[in-house]
C-alpha atoms as a PDB file:
ATOM      1  CA  MET A   1      -6.019-139.026 131.967  1.00  0.00           C
ATOM      2  CA  LYS A   2      -5.428-140.569 128.548  1.00  0.00           C
ATOM      3  CA  LYS A   3      -2.742-143.253 128.300  1.00  0.00           C
ATOM      4  CA  ILE A   4      -0.068-141.903 125.988  1.00  0.00           C
ATOM      5  CA  GLN A   5       3.283-143.329 124.869  1.00  0.00           C
ATOM      6  CA  ARG A   6       5.757-140.729 126.145  1.00  0.00           C
ATOM      7  CA  THR A   7       9.006-142.478 125.295  1.00  0.00           C
ATOM      8  CA  ASP A   8      10.743-141.594 122.047  1.00  0.00           C
ATOM      9  CA  SER A   9      10.280-143.796 119.007  1.00  0.00           C
ATOM     10  CA  SER A  10      13.278-145.204 117.146  1.00  0.00           C
ATOM     11  CA  TYR A  11      12.862-142.353 114.653  1.00  0.00           C
ATOM     12  CA  ASP A  12      12.912-139.745 117.452  1.00  0.00           C
ATOM     13  CA  LYS A  13      16.017-141.321 118.985  1.00  0.00           C
ATOM     14  CA  SER A  14      17.813-141.381 115.646  1.00  0.00           C
ATOM     15  CA  TRP A  15      16.894-137.759 114.985  1.00  0.00           C
ATOM     16  CA  ASN A  16      18.158-136.744 118.439  1.00  0.00           C
ATOM     17  CA  VAL A  17      21.491-138.461 117.723  1.00  0.00           C
ATOM     18  CA  ILE A  18      21.778-136.626 114.400  1.00  0.00           C
ATOM     19  CA  LYS A  19      21.093-133.284 116.076  1.00  0.00           C
ATOM     20  CA  PHE A  20      23.643-134.018 118.807  1.00  0.00           C
ATOM     21  CA  ILE A  21      26.321-134.889 116.230  1.00  0.00           C
ATOM     22  CA  TYR A  22      25.545-131.775 114.207  1.00  0.00           C
ATOM     23  CA  TYR A  23      25.458-129.194 117.017  1.00  0.00           C
ATOM     24  CA  PHE A  24      28.304-130.543 119.140  1.00  0.00           C
ATOM     25  CA  MET A  25      30.644-131.997 116.514  1.00  0.00           C
ATOM     26  CA  ALA A  26      29.908-130.862 112.960  1.00  0.00           C
ATOM     27  CA  LEU A  27      28.857-127.272 113.619  1.00  0.00           C
ATOM     28  CA  PRO A  28      32.071-126.212 115.427  1.00  0.00           C
ATOM     29  CA  MET A  29      34.162-127.577 112.553  1.00  0.00           C
ATOM     30  CA  LEU A  30      31.930-125.943 109.959  1.00  0.00           C
ATOM     31  CA  LEU A  31      32.174-122.615 111.731  1.00  0.00           C
ATOM     32  CA  CYS A  32      35.951-122.908 111.916  1.00  0.00           C
ATOM     33  CA  TYR A  33      36.199-123.578 108.189  1.00  0.00           C
ATOM     34  CA  GLY A  34      33.630-120.890 107.459  1.00  0.00           C
ATOM     35  CA  VAL A  35      35.668-118.225 109.233  1.00  0.00           C
ATOM     36  CA  ILE A  36      38.859-119.325 107.467  1.00  0.00           C
ATOM     37  CA  SER A  37      37.076-119.230 104.121  1.00  0.00           C
ATOM     38  CA  LEU A  38      36.065-115.623 104.719  1.00  0.00           C
ATOM     39  CA  PHE A  39      39.708-114.616 105.135  1.00  0.00           C
ATOM     40  CA  ILE A  40      40.619-116.517 101.953  1.00  0.00           C
ATOM     41  CA  LEU A  41      37.822-114.836 100.012  1.00  0.00           C
ATOM     42  CA  LYS A  42      38.886-111.483 101.386  1.00  0.00           C
ATOM     43  CA  GLY A  43      42.406-112.170 100.101  1.00  0.00           C
ATOM     44  CA  GLU A  44      40.975-113.098  96.711  1.00  0.00           C
ATOM     45  CA  ALA A  45      39.025-109.857  96.625  1.00  0.00           C
ATOM     46  CA  ASN A  46      42.326-108.032  97.237  1.00  0.00           C
ATOM     47  CA  GLY A  47      43.872-109.678  94.161  1.00  0.00           C
ATOM     48  CA  ARG A  48      45.175-113.031  95.422  1.00  0.00           C
ATOM     49  CA  ASP A  49      44.738-115.754  92.769  1.00  0.00           C
ATOM     50  CA  LEU A  50      43.312-119.109  93.930  1.00  0.00           C
ATOM     51  CA  GLY A  51      44.304-120.760  90.668  1.00  0.00           C
ATOM     52  CA  LEU A  52      42.545-123.926  89.511  1.00  0.00           C
ATOM     53  CA  LEU A  53      40.968-124.415  92.939  1.00  0.00           C
ATOM     54  CA  GLY A  54      39.005-121.186  92.668  1.00  0.00           C
ATOM     55  CA  ASN A  55      35.668-122.529  91.407  1.00  0.00           C
ATOM     56  CA  ASP A  56      35.742-125.656  93.581  1.00  0.00           C
ATOM     57  CA  PHE A  57      36.627-123.559  96.615  1.00  0.00           C
ATOM     58  CA  HIS A  58      33.718-121.200  96.010  1.00  0.00           C
ATOM     59  CA  LEU A  59      31.281-124.094  95.622  1.00  0.00           C
ATOM     60  CA  PHE A  60      32.533-125.886  98.719  1.00  0.00           C
ATOM     61  CA  THR A  61      32.432-122.668 100.738  1.00  0.00           C
ATOM     62  CA  LEU A  62      28.839-122.087  99.639  1.00  0.00           C
ATOM     63  CA  MET A  63      27.922-125.616 100.755  1.00  0.00           C
ATOM     64  CA  VAL A  64      29.598-125.107 104.131  1.00  0.00           C
ATOM     65  CA  TRP A  65      27.820-121.848 104.837  1.00  0.00           C
ATOM     66  CA  SER A  66      24.529-123.377 103.720  1.00  0.00           C
ATOM     67  CA  ALA A  67      25.127-126.213 106.195  1.00  0.00           C
ATOM     68  CA  ILE A  68      25.627-123.574 108.900  1.00  0.00           C
ATOM     69  CA  ILE A  69      22.876-121.101 108.098  1.00  0.00           C
ATOM     70  CA  LEU A  70      19.974-123.331 107.036  1.00  0.00           C
ATOM     71  CA  PRO A  71      19.795-125.570 110.166  1.00  0.00           C
ATOM     72  CA  LEU A  72      20.226-122.558 112.470  1.00  0.00           C
ATOM     73  CA  ALA A  73      17.548-120.628 110.572  1.00  0.00           C
ATOM     74  CA  PHE A  74      15.193-123.615 110.835  1.00  0.00           C
ATOM     75  CA  ARG A  75      15.908-123.929 114.554  1.00  0.00           C
ATOM     76  CA  THR A  76      15.179-120.228 115.072  1.00  0.00           C
ATOM     77  CA  TYR A  77      11.937-120.522 113.115  1.00  0.00           C
ATOM     78  CA  ALA A  78      10.862-123.643 115.055  1.00  0.00           C
ATOM     79  CA  LYS A  79      11.577-121.854 118.334  1.00  0.00           C
ATOM     80  CA  LYS A  80       9.458-118.899 117.199  1.00  0.00           C
ATOM     81  CA  VAL A  81       6.596-121.263 116.298  1.00  0.00           C
ATOM     82  CA  ARG A  82       6.779-122.976 119.699  1.00  0.00           C
ATOM     83  CA  ARG A  83       6.733-119.616 121.474  1.00  0.00           C
ATOM     84  CA  HIS A  84       3.651-118.558 119.532  1.00  0.00           C
ATOM     85  CA  LYS A  85       1.839-121.829 120.318  1.00  0.00           C
ATOM     86  CA  LEU A  86       2.694-121.599 124.005  1.00  0.00           C
ATOM     87  CA  GLN A  87       1.425-118.024 124.157  1.00  0.00           C
ATOM     88  CA  LYS A  88      -1.832-118.994 122.430  1.00  0.00           C
ATOM     89  CA  ILE A  89      -2.437-121.835 124.897  1.00  0.00           C
ATOM     90  CA  VAL A  90      -1.727-119.548 127.858  1.00  0.00           C
ATOM     91  CA  GLU A  91      -4.123-116.927 126.482  1.00  0.00           C
ATOM     92  CA  LEU A  92      -6.844-119.572 126.224  1.00  0.00           C
ATOM     93  CA  LEU A  93      -6.526-120.355 129.942  1.00  0.00           C
ATOM     94  CA  THR A  94      -5.956-116.833 131.255  1.00  0.00           C
ATOM     95  CA  SER A  95      -8.807-115.004 132.970  1.00  0.00           C
ATOM     96  CA  ASN A  96      -9.182-112.373 135.679  1.00  0.00           C
ATOM     97  CA  GLU A  97     -11.396-114.745 137.683  1.00  0.00           C
ATOM     98  CA  ARG A  98      -8.967-117.648 138.183  1.00  0.00           C
ATOM     99  CA  PHE A  99      -5.598-117.331 136.428  1.00  0.00           C
ATOM    100  CA  SER A 100      -3.866-114.038 135.738  1.00  0.00           C
ATOM    101  CA  PRO A 101      -0.251-114.321 136.972  1.00  0.00           C
ATOM    102  CA  GLN A 102       2.069-111.354 137.155  1.00  0.00           C
ATOM    103  CA  LYS A 103       4.933-111.137 134.678  1.00  0.00           C
ATOM    104  CA  GLN A 104       7.599-112.047 137.261  1.00  0.00           C
ATOM    105  CA  HIS A 105       5.698-115.235 138.089  1.00  0.00           C
ATOM    106  CA  GLN A 106       5.824-116.622 134.562  1.00  0.00           C
ATOM    107  CA  VAL A 107       8.559-118.404 132.601  1.00  0.00           C
ATOM    108  CA  LEU A 108       8.299-119.269 128.915  1.00  0.00           C
ATOM    109  CA  ASP A 109      11.114-121.462 127.635  1.00  0.00           C
ATOM    110  CA  ALA A 110      10.474-121.696 123.886  1.00  0.00           C
ATOM    111  CA  GLY A 111      13.660-123.684 123.301  1.00  0.00           C
ATOM    112  CA  ARG A 112      12.396-126.588 125.408  1.00  0.00           C
ATOM    113  CA  GLY A 113       8.732-125.906 124.661  1.00  0.00           C
ATOM    114  CA  LYS A 114       7.761-125.201 128.278  1.00  0.00           C
ATOM    115  CA  TYR A 115       5.723-122.652 130.240  1.00  0.00           C
ATOM    116  CA  LEU A 116       5.129-122.219 133.959  1.00  0.00           C
ATOM    117  CA  GLY A 117       2.815-119.621 135.448  1.00  0.00           C
ATOM    118  CA  ILE A 118       1.953-119.088 139.115  1.00  0.00           C
ATOM    119  CA  ASP A 119      -1.064-117.061 140.173  1.00  0.00           C
ATOM    120  CA  THR A 120      -0.423-115.863 143.716  1.00  0.00           C
ATOM    121  CA  GLN A 121      -3.946-114.460 144.087  1.00  0.00           C
ATOM    122  CA  TYR A 122      -5.864-117.680 143.488  1.00  0.00           C
ATOM    123  CA  GLY A 123      -3.120-120.221 144.213  1.00  0.00           C
ATOM    124  CA  ASN A 124      -3.368-121.767 140.743  1.00  0.00           C
ATOM    125  CA  ILE A 125      -0.469-123.059 138.634  1.00  0.00           C
ATOM    126  CA  LEU A 126      -0.401-123.683 134.904  1.00  0.00           C
ATOM    127  CA  TYR A 127       2.273-125.867 133.316  1.00  0.00           C
ATOM    128  CA  ILE A 128       2.620-126.557 129.610  1.00  0.00           C
ATOM    129  CA  HIS A 129       5.174-128.854 127.992  1.00  0.00           C
ATOM    130  CA  MET A 130       5.451-129.700 124.310  1.00  0.00           C
ATOM    131  CA  VAL A 131       6.688-133.222 125.021  1.00  0.00           C
ATOM    132  CA  LYS A 132       7.187-134.170 121.375  1.00  0.00           C
ATOM    133  CA  LYS A 133       5.507-133.602 118.031  1.00  0.00           C
ATOM    134  CA  GLY A 134       1.774-134.012 118.460  1.00  0.00           C
ATOM    135  CA  LEU A 135       1.900-134.394 122.259  1.00  0.00           C
ATOM    136  CA  VAL A 136       1.447-131.512 124.709  1.00  0.00           C
ATOM    137  CA  ASP A 137       1.012-131.611 128.478  1.00  0.00           C
ATOM    138  CA  VAL A 138      -1.373-128.937 129.765  1.00  0.00           C
ATOM    139  CA  ILE A 139      -1.554-129.250 133.543  1.00  0.00           C
ATOM    140  CA  GLY A 140      -3.448-127.155 136.048  1.00  0.00           C
ATOM    141  CA  LEU A 141      -2.482-127.436 139.717  1.00  0.00           C
ATOM    142  CA  THR A 142      -4.039-126.015 142.850  1.00  0.00           C
ATOM    143  CA  MET A 143      -2.161-125.794 146.141  1.00  0.00           C
ATOM    144  CA  SER A 144      -3.413-129.262 147.075  1.00  0.00           C
ATOM    145  CA  ASP A 145      -2.139-130.874 143.855  1.00  0.00           C
ATOM    146  CA  TRP A 146       1.596-130.621 144.529  1.00  0.00           C
ATOM    147  CA  THR A 147       3.741-131.718 147.447  1.00  0.00           C
ATOM    148  CA  ASP A 148       7.154-130.071 147.191  1.00  0.00           C
ATOM    149  CA  SER A 149       9.384-127.812 145.106  1.00  0.00           C
ATOM    150  CA  GLU A 150      13.141-127.606 144.744  1.00  0.00           C
ATOM    151  CA  LEU A 151      15.811-125.770 142.825  1.00  0.00           C
ATOM    152  CA  GLU A 152      18.669-127.542 141.088  1.00  0.00           C
ATOM    153  CA  GLY A 153      20.978-125.008 139.464  1.00  0.00           C
ATOM    154  CA  SER A 154      18.690-123.064 137.144  1.00  0.00           C
ATOM    155  CA  THR A 155      16.016-125.786 137.033  1.00  0.00           C
ATOM    156  CA  LEU A 156      12.894-125.452 139.161  1.00  0.00           C
ATOM    157  CA  ARG A 157      11.162-128.739 139.950  1.00  0.00           C
ATOM    158  CA  VAL A 158       7.651-129.146 141.344  1.00  0.00           C
ATOM    159  CA  LYS A 159       6.578-132.534 142.712  1.00  0.00           C
ATOM    160  CA  THR A 160       2.955-133.388 141.926  1.00  0.00           C
ATOM    161  CA  LYS A 161       0.427-135.964 143.102  1.00  0.00           C
ATOM    162  CA  ASN A 162      -0.103-137.138 139.535  1.00  0.00           C
ATOM    163  CA  PRO A 163       1.595-140.522 138.938  1.00  0.00           C
ATOM    164  CA  GLU A 164       1.549-139.932 135.161  1.00  0.00           C
ATOM    165  CA  VAL A 165       3.450-136.642 135.507  1.00  0.00           C
ATOM    166  CA  PRO A 166       5.031-136.798 138.976  1.00  0.00           C
ATOM    167  CA  GLU A 167       7.402-133.891 138.399  1.00  0.00           C
ATOM    168  CA  LEU A 168       7.203-130.611 136.518  1.00  0.00           C
ATOM    169  CA  SER A 169      10.425-128.842 135.613  1.00  0.00           C
ATOM    170  CA  ILE A 170      11.401-125.636 133.893  1.00  0.00           C
ATOM    171  CA  ASN A 171      14.669-123.817 133.286  1.00  0.00           C
ATOM    172  CA  ALA A 172      15.068-120.116 133.946  1.00  0.00           C
ATOM    173  CA  HIS A 173      17.695-117.609 134.984  1.00  0.00           C
ATOM    174  CA  PRO A 174      18.900-118.632 138.480  1.00  0.00           C
ATOM    175  CA  ILE A 175      17.532-115.416 140.006  1.00  0.00           C
ATOM    176  CA  VAL A 176      14.127-115.945 138.382  1.00  0.00           C
ATOM    177  CA  ALA A 177      14.051-119.627 139.358  1.00  0.00           C
ATOM    178  CA  ARG A 178      14.951-118.752 142.962  1.00  0.00           C
ATOM    179  CA  GLU A 179      12.176-116.141 143.073  1.00  0.00           C
ATOM    180  CA  LEU A 180       9.634-118.670 141.839  1.00  0.00           C
ATOM    181  CA  LEU A 181      10.810-121.205 144.426  1.00  0.00           C
ATOM    182  CA  ASN A 182      10.425-118.639 147.199  1.00  0.00           C
ATOM    183  CA  THR A 183       6.997-117.671 145.871  1.00  0.00           C
ATOM    184  CA  LEU A 184       5.807-121.280 145.979  1.00  0.00           C
ATOM    185  CA  GLY A 185       7.187-121.640 149.495  1.00  0.00           C
ATOM    186  CA  ALA A 186       5.306-118.561 150.679  1.00  0.00           C
ATOM    187  CA  MET A 187       2.100-119.707 148.976  1.00  0.00           C
ATOM    188  CA  SER A 188       2.260-123.089 150.728  1.00  0.00           C
ATOM    189  CA  HIS A 189       1.657-121.299 154.037  1.00  0.00           C
ATOM    190  CA  LYS A 190      -1.406-119.440 152.785  1.00  0.00           C
ATOM    191  CA  SER A 191      -4.967-120.742 152.646  1.00  0.00           C
ATOM    192  CA  TYR A 192      -6.681-120.611 149.267  1.00  0.00           C
ATOM    193  CA  SER A 193     -10.297-121.388 148.460  1.00  0.00           C
ATOM    194  CA  GLU A 194     -11.507-122.608 145.075  1.00  0.00           C
ATOM    195  CA  SER A 195     -13.204-119.772 143.190  1.00  0.00           C
ATOM    196  CA  PHE A 196     -15.399-122.189 141.221  1.00  0.00           C
ATOM    197  CA  PRO A 197     -16.048-125.310 143.353  1.00  0.00           C
ATOM    198  CA  GLN A 198     -18.289-126.772 140.643  1.00  0.00           C
ATOM    199  CA  GLU A 199     -15.382-126.668 138.195  1.00  0.00           C
ATOM    200  CA  PRO A 200     -12.012-126.771 140.025  1.00  0.00           C
ATOM    201  CA  TRP A 201      -8.971-125.329 138.301  1.00  0.00           C
ATOM    202  CA  SER A 202      -7.512-128.701 137.271  1.00  0.00           C
ATOM    203  CA  LEU A 203     -10.838-129.757 135.731  1.00  0.00           C
ATOM    204  CA  HIS A 204     -11.224-126.385 134.022  1.00  0.00           C
ATOM    205  CA  VAL A 205      -7.787-126.766 132.442  1.00  0.00           C
ATOM    206  CA  GLY A 206      -8.695-130.277 131.317  1.00  0.00           C
ATOM    207  CA  ILE A 207     -11.914-129.063 129.695  1.00  0.00           C
ATOM    208  CA  GLN A 208     -10.214-126.130 127.975  1.00  0.00           C
ATOM    209  CA  SER A 209      -7.479-128.456 126.758  1.00  0.00           C
ATOM    210  CA  ARG A 210     -10.007-130.004 124.372  1.00  0.00           C
ATOM    211  CA  PHE A 211      -9.863-126.705 122.491  1.00  0.00           C
ATOM    212  CA  VAL A 212      -6.059-126.881 122.547  1.00  0.00           C
ATOM    213  CA  GLU A 213      -6.252-130.292 120.884  1.00  0.00           C
ATOM    214  CA  PHE A 214      -8.611-128.969 118.235  1.00  0.00           C
ATOM    215  CA  GLU A 215      -6.814-125.706 117.474  1.00  0.00           C
ATOM    216  CA  HIS A 216      -3.264-127.098 117.376  1.00  0.00           C
ATOM    217  CA  ASN A 217      -3.972-130.642 116.145  1.00  0.00           C
ATOM    218  CA  VAL A 218      -2.208-132.259 119.102  1.00  0.00           C
ATOM    219  CA  VAL A 219      -3.022-134.751 121.839  1.00  0.00           C
ATOM    220  CA  VAL A 220      -3.304-133.407 125.392  1.00  0.00           C
ATOM    221  CA  PRO A 221      -3.346-136.369 127.817  1.00  0.00           C
ATOM    222  CA  GLN A 222      -4.974-134.242 130.520  1.00  0.00           C
ATOM    223  CA  ALA A 223      -7.894-133.164 128.306  1.00  0.00           C
ATOM    224  CA  ALA A 224     -11.183-134.018 130.031  1.00  0.00           C
ATOM    225  CA  ASN A 225     -13.541-136.366 128.207  1.00  0.00           C
ATOM    226  CA  LEU A 226     -16.720-134.400 127.673  1.00  0.00           C
ATOM    227  CA  ALA A 227     -18.525-137.082 125.736  1.00  0.00           C
END
């Protein structure tokens, strides 16, 4: 697997701090002022005079609501883009012969850029994680590629034999996460045979990941070197 720098750069860390400050400190205050401003504007519409502060108040209110709406609209758009990319990658790796999980055995978390699918027929698992801009994990596991699974709140964790990515995790509704945990537990007691011994599932995912790199202009560390 390709050696990739997974830790955040100084730019990424700074951006994460800015987002934390905005969503957990600035946004609540902006929303509070925004709601108050609506009542003031409603009073003005009913004939209340704001005097000399009228124009400045309108401009400031417009700036506040822009600071609320624009970042949230961008976040919604980015989430929609991530969902679309995840779905396209899953479609590329889905087939009736080796990976076609049922709906209840799939979780797509667009907010965190993650997907987990479990095929109970073939014993294959597909995990996708948009780690950061330009870097996407696309991991295929068979029943012999992972050692344990556990549930922590609403987070399902799967321990792998890969030292580069020793743990896969995904968040889901607690009921869904519990169902997936139970499914993995039941599968661990069943014998599965590789449908294509000449190209095992993990290798197949690695080969197909070259197309993911090409189509989405990203680096997939697990992509097999075909050269």
